Amino acid sequence: MDQKPYPAEKARGGEIVLNTRLRRAIFLAGLVGTVIFVIIMMLVR
């Protein structure tokens, strides 16, 4: 069974859909949390 590879043109172009207030809040909290975590790790070192 030989499957053709998935074309790169279809794989690219993904977008982040944040159409509700809750999804936006979770996304931003994740970004802010990551930045804070990196800062804390740099200070601890």
N, C-alpha and C. Protein backbone atom coordinates (compact mmCIF):
# COMPACT_ATOMS: atom_id res chain seq x y z
N MET A 1 0.85 -1.17 0.00
CA MET A 1 0.00 0.00 0.00
C MET A 1 0.90 1.23 0.00
N ASP A 2 0.91 1.95 -1.11
CA ASP A 2 1.78 3.12 -1.26
C ASP A 2 0.96 4.39 -1.17
N GLN A 3 1.18 5.15 -0.10
CA GLN A 3 0.44 6.40 0.07
C GLN A 3 1.29 7.56 -0.42
N LYS A 4 0.64 8.51 -1.09
CA LYS A 4 1.35 9.70 -1.53
C LYS A 4 1.57 10.62 -0.34
N PRO A 5 2.71 11.33 -0.30
CA PRO A 5 2.93 12.26 0.81
C PRO A 5 1.95 13.42 0.76
N TYR A 6 1.65 13.97 1.94
CA TYR A 6 0.73 15.10 2.04
C TYR A 6 1.41 16.34 1.49
N PRO A 7 0.79 17.09 0.58
CA PRO A 7 1.45 18.24 -0.04
C PRO A 7 1.72 19.36 0.97
N ALA A 8 2.88 19.97 0.86
CA ALA A 8 3.28 21.03 1.79
C ALA A 8 2.37 22.25 1.68
N GLU A 9 1.82 22.50 0.51
CA GLU A 9 0.95 23.67 0.34
C GLU A 9 -0.29 23.56 1.22
N LYS A 10 -0.77 22.36 1.42
CA LYS A 10 -1.95 22.17 2.27
C LYS A 10 -1.59 22.14 3.75
N ALA A 11 -0.36 21.75 4.07
CA ALA A 11 0.04 21.64 5.47
C ALA A 11 0.33 23.02 6.07
N ARG A 12 0.77 23.94 5.24
CA ARG A 12 1.10 25.27 5.73
C ARG A 12 -0.14 26.14 5.83
N GLY A 13 0.05 27.32 6.41
CA GLY A 13 -1.02 28.30 6.43
C GLY A 13 -2.01 28.11 7.55
N GLY A 14 -1.61 27.40 8.59
CA GLY A 14 -2.51 27.24 9.72
C GLY A 14 -2.71 28.56 10.44
N GLU A 15 -3.87 28.72 11.02
CA GLU A 15 -4.13 29.95 11.75
C GLU A 15 -4.69 29.61 13.12
N ILE A 16 -4.41 30.47 14.06
CA ILE A 16 -4.91 30.28 15.41
C ILE A 16 -6.29 30.95 15.48
N VAL A 17 -7.30 30.17 15.78
CA VAL A 17 -8.67 30.70 15.82
C VAL A 17 -9.03 30.96 17.28
N LEU A 18 -9.11 32.23 17.64
CA LEU A 18 -9.46 32.62 18.99
C LEU A 18 -10.75 33.43 18.94
N ASN A 19 -11.85 32.74 18.67
CA ASN A 19 -13.09 33.45 18.43
C ASN A 19 -13.95 33.64 19.68
N THR A 20 -13.51 33.14 20.81
CA THR A 20 -14.26 33.40 22.05
C THR A 20 -13.33 34.06 23.06
N ARG A 21 -13.93 34.76 23.98
CA ARG A 21 -13.14 35.46 24.99
C ARG A 21 -12.35 34.48 25.86
N LEU A 22 -12.93 33.33 26.16
CA LEU A 22 -12.24 32.32 26.98
C LEU A 22 -11.00 31.79 26.27
N ARG A 23 -11.12 31.49 24.99
CA ARG A 23 -9.97 30.97 24.24
C ARG A 23 -8.85 32.00 24.16
N ARG A 24 -9.22 33.29 23.97
CA ARG A 24 -8.20 34.34 23.95
C ARG A 24 -7.51 34.44 25.30
N ALA A 25 -8.27 34.36 26.37
CA ALA A 25 -7.70 34.46 27.71
C ALA A 25 -6.75 33.30 28.00
N ILE A 26 -7.13 32.10 27.61
CA ILE A 26 -6.28 30.93 27.84
C ILE A 26 -5.00 31.05 27.02
N PHE A 27 -5.11 31.50 25.77
CA PHE A 27 -3.94 31.65 24.91
C PHE A 27 -2.97 32.68 25.50
N LEU A 28 -3.50 33.83 25.90
CA LEU A 28 -2.64 34.88 26.46
C LEU A 28 -2.03 34.45 27.79
N ALA A 29 -2.80 33.74 28.60
CA ALA A 29 -2.28 33.25 29.88
C ALA A 29 -1.12 32.28 29.64
N GLY A 30 -1.22 31.46 28.62
CA GLY A 30 -0.14 30.54 28.30
C GLY A 30 1.12 31.28 27.86
N LEU A 31 0.95 32.31 27.03
CA LEU A 31 2.10 33.10 26.60
C LEU A 31 2.76 33.82 27.76
N VAL A 32 1.95 34.48 28.57
CA VAL A 32 2.48 35.22 29.72
C VAL A 32 3.12 34.26 30.71
N GLY A 33 2.50 33.13 30.95
CA GLY A 33 3.06 32.14 31.87
C GLY A 33 4.40 31.61 31.40
N THR A 34 4.53 31.42 30.10
CA THR A 34 5.81 30.94 29.56
C THR A 34 6.90 31.98 29.76
N VAL A 35 6.59 33.24 29.49
CA VAL A 35 7.58 34.31 29.66
C VAL A 35 7.99 34.43 31.13
N ILE A 36 7.02 34.39 32.02
CA ILE A 36 7.33 34.48 33.46
C ILE A 36 8.17 33.29 33.90
N PHE A 37 7.85 32.10 33.41
CA PHE A 37 8.62 30.91 33.75
C PHE A 37 10.08 31.05 33.29
N VAL A 38 10.28 31.54 32.08
CA VAL A 38 11.64 31.71 31.56
C VAL A 38 12.40 32.74 32.40
N ILE A 39 11.75 33.83 32.77
CA ILE A 39 12.41 34.86 33.59
C ILE A 39 12.81 34.28 34.94
N ILE A 40 11.91 33.53 35.55
CA ILE A 40 12.21 32.93 36.86
C ILE A 40 13.37 31.94 36.74
N MET A 41 13.38 31.14 35.68
CA MET A 41 14.47 30.19 35.49
C MET A 41 15.80 30.91 35.29
N MET A 42 15.79 32.04 34.62
CA MET A 42 17.02 32.80 34.43
C MET A 42 17.52 33.40 35.75
N LEU A 43 16.59 33.82 36.61
CA LEU A 43 16.98 34.40 37.89
C LEU A 43 17.50 33.34 38.86
N VAL A 44 16.92 32.15 38.84
CA VAL A 44 17.32 31.08 39.72
C VAL A 44 18.71 30.57 39.36
N ARG A 45 19.01 30.58 38.12
CA ARG A 45 20.29 30.09 37.63
C ARG A 45 21.37 30.97 38.16
